[in-house]
């Protein structure tokens, strides 16, 4: 299934196949909180070859696989405890699924 869309003014357009998404994550570090103006940033991992985009997106559809830097999440925006969470940035062994999927 193809996901595609554009921003309100039409300056940003994107498309990708859902089955090409490697993984999705929420990062709760203070840098991401400041950059997004919210409690977290949503990170979508997809190979460049599988993404068609123009402009600079501010929102992407994604299923969240994990949370990063949960130790700095604010009380008013605690991570979903039903998905895998890391106190900081995950190391290679903790996030091996993402690495393996990137070679597929």
N, C-alpha and C. Protein backbone atom coordinates (compact mmCIF):
# COMPACT_ATOMS: atom_id res chain seq x y z
N UNK A 1 0.84 -1.17 0.00
CA UNK A 1 0.00 0.00 0.00
C UNK A 1 0.89 1.24 0.00
N UNK A 2 0.59 2.17 -0.85
CA UNK A 2 1.36 3.41 -0.97
C UNK A 2 0.77 4.49 -0.07
N UNK A 3 1.62 5.15 0.68
CA UNK A 3 1.24 6.33 1.45
C UNK A 3 1.74 7.54 0.68
N UNK A 4 0.92 8.53 0.51
CA UNK A 4 1.34 9.75 -0.16
C UNK A 4 0.54 10.91 0.41
N UNK A 5 1.06 12.08 0.24
CA UNK A 5 0.36 13.25 0.72
C UNK A 5 1.12 14.52 0.44
N UNK A 6 0.59 15.61 0.97
CA UNK A 6 1.25 16.91 0.81
C UNK A 6 0.85 17.78 1.99
N UNK A 7 1.56 18.88 2.16
CA UNK A 7 1.23 19.82 3.22
C UNK A 7 0.04 20.68 2.79
N UNK A 8 -0.44 21.51 3.70
CA UNK A 8 -1.60 22.36 3.44
C UNK A 8 -1.40 23.28 2.23
N UNK A 9 -0.20 23.85 2.11
CA UNK A 9 0.03 24.79 1.00
C UNK A 9 0.49 24.08 -0.28
N UNK A 10 0.79 22.79 -0.21
CA UNK A 10 1.20 22.04 -1.39
C UNK A 10 2.69 22.08 -1.70
N UNK A 11 3.48 22.69 -0.84
CA UNK A 11 4.92 22.80 -1.08
C UNK A 11 5.67 21.51 -0.76
N UNK A 12 5.10 20.66 0.05
CA UNK A 12 5.75 19.41 0.45
C UNK A 12 4.90 18.24 -0.03
N UNK A 13 5.52 17.34 -0.77
CA UNK A 13 4.84 16.13 -1.22
C UNK A 13 5.72 14.93 -0.91
N UNK A 14 5.10 13.80 -0.59
CA UNK A 14 5.86 12.59 -0.29
C UNK A 14 5.07 11.37 -0.73
N UNK A 15 5.79 10.28 -0.91
CA UNK A 15 5.15 8.98 -1.12
C UNK A 15 6.15 7.88 -0.79
N UNK A 16 5.61 6.78 -0.29
CA UNK A 16 6.42 5.60 0.02
C UNK A 16 5.48 4.41 0.18
N UNK A 17 6.04 3.23 0.05
CA UNK A 17 5.29 2.00 0.26
C UNK A 17 5.37 1.64 1.74
N UNK A 18 4.23 1.36 2.36
CA UNK A 18 4.19 1.03 3.78
C UNK A 18 5.12 -0.13 4.13
N UNK A 19 5.19 -1.13 3.26
CA UNK A 19 6.02 -2.29 3.58
C UNK A 19 7.51 -2.02 3.47
N UNK A 20 7.91 -0.84 3.03
CA UNK A 20 9.32 -0.47 2.95
C UNK A 20 9.82 0.24 4.21
N UNK A 21 8.91 0.55 5.14
CA UNK A 21 9.32 1.20 6.39
C UNK A 21 10.13 0.21 7.21
N UNK A 22 11.29 0.64 7.65
CA UNK A 22 12.17 -0.21 8.46
C UNK A 22 11.67 -0.23 9.90
N UNK A 23 11.40 0.94 10.49
CA UNK A 23 10.90 1.01 11.86
C UNK A 23 10.44 2.43 12.18
N UNK A 24 9.73 2.56 13.29
CA UNK A 24 9.27 3.86 13.77
C UNK A 24 9.55 3.98 15.25
N UNK A 25 9.90 5.19 15.71
CA UNK A 25 10.33 5.38 17.09
C UNK A 25 9.89 6.74 17.60
N UNK A 26 9.77 6.88 18.92
CA UNK A 26 9.58 8.17 19.56
C UNK A 26 10.85 8.48 20.35
N UNK A 27 11.40 9.67 20.20
CA UNK A 27 12.55 10.11 20.98
C UNK A 27 12.09 11.21 21.92
N UNK A 28 12.41 11.07 23.20
CA UNK A 28 11.96 12.00 24.23
C UNK A 28 13.10 12.87 24.75
N UNK A 29 14.23 12.94 24.04
CA UNK A 29 15.35 13.75 24.52
C UNK A 29 14.97 15.24 24.47
N UNK A 30 15.67 16.03 25.26
CA UNK A 30 15.36 17.46 25.34
C UNK A 30 15.55 18.16 23.99
N UNK A 31 16.52 17.75 23.19
CA UNK A 31 16.71 18.35 21.86
C UNK A 31 15.49 18.12 20.98
N UNK A 32 14.97 16.91 20.97
CA UNK A 32 13.79 16.62 20.15
C UNK A 32 12.55 17.34 20.69
N UNK A 33 12.45 17.47 22.01
CA UNK A 33 11.33 18.21 22.59
C UNK A 33 11.36 19.67 22.13
N UNK A 34 12.55 20.25 22.14
CA UNK A 34 12.68 21.65 21.70
C UNK A 34 12.42 21.79 20.20
N UNK A 35 12.97 20.85 19.42
CA UNK A 35 12.83 20.94 17.96
C UNK A 35 11.38 20.81 17.50
N UNK A 36 10.60 19.99 18.19
CA UNK A 36 9.22 19.77 17.77
C UNK A 36 8.21 20.63 18.52
N UNK A 37 8.63 21.19 19.65
CA UNK A 37 7.70 21.96 20.47
C UNK A 37 6.68 21.06 21.15
N UNK A 38 7.02 19.79 21.30
CA UNK A 38 6.14 18.84 21.96
C UNK A 38 6.95 17.97 22.90
N UNK A 39 6.39 16.90 23.37
CA UNK A 39 7.07 16.03 24.32
C UNK A 39 7.99 15.00 23.69
N UNK A 40 7.95 14.91 22.36
CA UNK A 40 8.77 13.90 21.68
C UNK A 40 8.85 14.20 20.19
N UNK A 41 9.78 13.52 19.54
CA UNK A 41 9.86 13.55 18.08
C UNK A 41 9.56 12.15 17.57
N UNK A 42 8.83 12.05 16.50
CA UNK A 42 8.57 10.76 15.87
C UNK A 42 9.60 10.56 14.77
N UNK A 43 10.27 9.43 14.81
CA UNK A 43 11.35 9.14 13.87
C UNK A 43 10.93 7.95 13.01
N UNK A 44 10.92 8.15 11.71
CA UNK A 44 10.58 7.12 10.75
C UNK A 44 11.86 6.70 10.04
N UNK A 45 12.16 5.43 10.06
CA UNK A 45 13.36 4.92 9.39
C UNK A 45 12.92 4.25 8.09
N UNK A 46 13.40 4.82 6.98
CA UNK A 46 13.10 4.27 5.65
C UNK A 46 14.29 4.60 4.75
N UNK A 47 14.64 3.70 3.90
CA UNK A 47 15.75 3.91 2.98
C UNK A 47 15.40 5.03 1.99
N UNK A 48 16.38 5.86 1.66
CA UNK A 48 16.17 6.96 0.69
C UNK A 48 15.63 6.43 -0.63
N UNK A 49 16.09 5.27 -1.02
CA UNK A 49 15.64 4.72 -2.31
C UNK A 49 14.15 4.38 -2.31
N UNK A 50 13.56 4.28 -1.13
CA UNK A 50 12.14 3.93 -1.02
C UNK A 50 11.25 5.12 -0.66
N UNK A 51 11.80 6.34 -0.70
CA UNK A 51 11.06 7.53 -0.32
C UNK A 51 11.14 8.58 -1.41
N UNK A 52 10.00 9.04 -1.83
CA UNK A 52 9.93 10.14 -2.79
C UNK A 52 9.41 11.36 -2.03
N UNK A 53 10.19 12.46 -2.02
CA UNK A 53 9.80 13.62 -1.23
C UNK A 53 10.32 14.90 -1.85
N UNK A 54 9.55 15.96 -1.68
CA UNK A 54 10.00 17.31 -2.04
C UNK A 54 9.63 18.22 -0.89
N UNK A 55 10.52 19.13 -0.54
CA UNK A 55 10.30 20.01 0.61
C UNK A 55 10.79 19.39 1.90
N UNK A 56 10.48 20.01 3.02
CA UNK A 56 10.91 19.54 4.34
C UNK A 56 9.69 19.20 5.19
N UNK A 57 9.43 17.90 5.42
CA UNK A 57 8.22 17.50 6.14
C UNK A 57 8.28 17.83 7.63
N UNK A 58 7.11 18.00 8.22
CA UNK A 58 6.99 18.23 9.65
C UNK A 58 6.22 17.09 10.32
N UNK A 59 5.58 16.19 9.53
CA UNK A 59 4.80 15.08 10.08
C UNK A 59 4.83 13.94 9.07
N UNK A 60 5.04 12.69 9.52
CA UNK A 60 4.94 11.48 8.68
C UNK A 60 4.11 10.42 9.36
N UNK A 61 3.32 9.60 8.58
CA UNK A 61 2.57 8.48 9.12
C UNK A 61 3.59 7.45 9.58
N UNK A 62 3.35 6.81 10.71
CA UNK A 62 4.28 5.81 11.21
C UNK A 62 3.64 5.01 12.34
N UNK A 63 4.01 3.76 12.44
CA UNK A 63 3.69 2.93 13.60
C UNK A 63 4.91 2.95 14.50
N UNK A 64 4.74 3.32 15.74
CA UNK A 64 5.87 3.46 16.65
C UNK A 64 6.31 2.11 17.18
N UNK A 65 7.62 1.79 16.99
CA UNK A 65 8.20 0.55 17.46
C UNK A 65 8.90 0.69 18.80
N UNK A 66 9.41 1.89 19.10
CA UNK A 66 10.13 2.07 20.35
C UNK A 66 10.22 3.54 20.73
N UNK A 67 10.65 3.78 21.96
CA UNK A 67 10.90 5.12 22.49
C UNK A 67 12.37 5.24 22.86
N UNK A 68 12.98 6.38 22.59
CA UNK A 68 14.38 6.65 22.97
C UNK A 68 14.39 7.74 24.04
N UNK A 69 15.46 7.77 24.82
CA UNK A 69 15.69 8.80 25.84
C UNK A 69 14.47 8.99 26.75
N UNK A 70 13.89 7.88 27.20
CA UNK A 70 12.72 7.98 28.06
C UNK A 70 13.06 8.60 29.41
N UNK A 71 14.33 8.55 29.82
CA UNK A 71 14.71 9.14 31.10
C UNK A 71 14.50 10.66 31.12
N UNK A 72 14.41 11.28 29.95
CA UNK A 72 14.19 12.73 29.92
C UNK A 72 12.77 13.10 29.49
N UNK A 73 11.89 12.11 29.43
CA UNK A 73 10.48 12.39 29.10
C UNK A 73 9.82 13.13 30.27
N UNK A 74 9.00 14.10 29.96
CA UNK A 74 8.30 14.84 30.99
C UNK A 74 7.14 14.03 31.55
N UNK A 75 6.76 14.33 32.81
CA UNK A 75 5.65 13.62 33.45
C UNK A 75 4.35 13.74 32.67
N UNK A 76 4.14 14.87 32.01
CA UNK A 76 2.90 15.09 31.28
C UNK A 76 2.87 14.38 29.93
N UNK A 77 4.01 13.75 29.55
CA UNK A 77 4.07 13.08 28.25
C UNK A 77 4.89 11.80 28.36
N UNK A 78 4.50 10.94 29.28
CA UNK A 78 5.23 9.69 29.49
C UNK A 78 5.10 8.77 28.27
N UNK A 79 6.17 8.04 27.95
CA UNK A 79 6.14 7.10 26.81
C UNK A 79 5.12 5.99 27.03
N UNK A 80 4.60 5.48 25.95
CA UNK A 80 3.67 4.34 25.98
C UNK A 80 4.45 3.14 26.51
N UNK A 81 4.01 2.58 27.62
CA UNK A 81 4.74 1.45 28.22
C UNK A 81 4.41 0.11 27.56
N UNK A 82 3.61 0.13 26.50
CA UNK A 82 3.30 -1.09 25.78
C UNK A 82 4.28 -1.36 24.63
N UNK A 83 5.18 -0.42 24.38
CA UNK A 83 6.19 -0.63 23.34
C UNK A 83 7.57 -0.55 23.95
N UNK A 84 8.55 -1.10 23.27
CA UNK A 84 9.93 -1.15 23.78
C UNK A 84 10.45 0.27 24.01
N UNK A 85 11.13 0.46 25.15
CA UNK A 85 11.66 1.77 25.50
C UNK A 85 13.11 1.66 25.93
N UNK A 86 13.87 2.70 25.63
CA UNK A 86 15.28 2.79 26.00
C UNK A 86 15.49 4.05 26.81
N UNK A 87 16.20 3.95 27.94
CA UNK A 87 16.48 5.13 28.76
C UNK A 87 17.26 6.18 28.00
N UNK A 88 18.13 5.72 27.09
CA UNK A 88 18.93 6.61 26.26
C UNK A 88 18.82 6.12 24.82
N UNK A 89 19.85 6.38 24.02
CA UNK A 89 19.88 5.90 22.64
C UNK A 89 20.22 4.41 22.66
N UNK A 90 19.48 3.57 21.94
CA UNK A 90 19.77 2.13 21.97
C UNK A 90 21.09 1.82 21.28
N UNK A 91 21.77 0.80 21.79
CA UNK A 91 23.00 0.39 21.12
C UNK A 91 22.67 -0.63 20.02
N UNK A 92 23.66 -1.03 19.28
CA UNK A 92 23.48 -1.92 18.14
C UNK A 92 22.76 -3.20 18.51
N UNK A 93 23.12 -3.81 19.62
CA UNK A 93 22.54 -5.10 19.99
C UNK A 93 21.09 -4.96 20.44
N UNK A 94 20.75 -3.85 21.08
CA UNK A 94 19.38 -3.64 21.52
C UNK A 94 18.45 -3.34 20.36
N UNK A 95 19.00 -2.82 19.27
CA UNK A 95 18.16 -2.40 18.15
C UNK A 95 18.51 -3.17 16.88
N UNK A 96 18.87 -4.43 17.03
CA UNK A 96 19.32 -5.24 15.90
C UNK A 96 18.22 -5.40 14.85
N UNK A 97 16.95 -5.39 15.24
CA UNK A 97 15.85 -5.51 14.28
C UNK A 97 15.94 -4.41 13.22
N UNK A 98 16.18 -3.20 13.66
CA UNK A 98 16.27 -2.08 12.73
C UNK A 98 17.44 -2.25 11.77
N UNK A 99 18.56 -2.68 12.29
CA UNK A 99 19.75 -2.85 11.46
C UNK A 99 19.51 -3.94 10.41
N UNK A 100 18.96 -5.07 10.83
CA UNK A 100 18.72 -6.17 9.89
C UNK A 100 17.70 -5.78 8.83
N UNK A 101 16.64 -5.08 9.22
CA UNK A 101 15.61 -4.69 8.26
C UNK A 101 16.15 -3.70 7.23
N UNK A 102 17.17 -2.93 7.60
CA UNK A 102 17.70 -1.94 6.68
C UNK A 102 18.43 -2.58 5.50
N UNK A 103 18.84 -3.85 5.62
CA UNK A 103 19.53 -4.53 4.54
C UNK A 103 18.56 -5.30 3.65
N UNK A 104 17.30 -5.32 3.98
CA UNK A 104 16.31 -6.08 3.18
C UNK A 104 15.82 -5.29 2.01
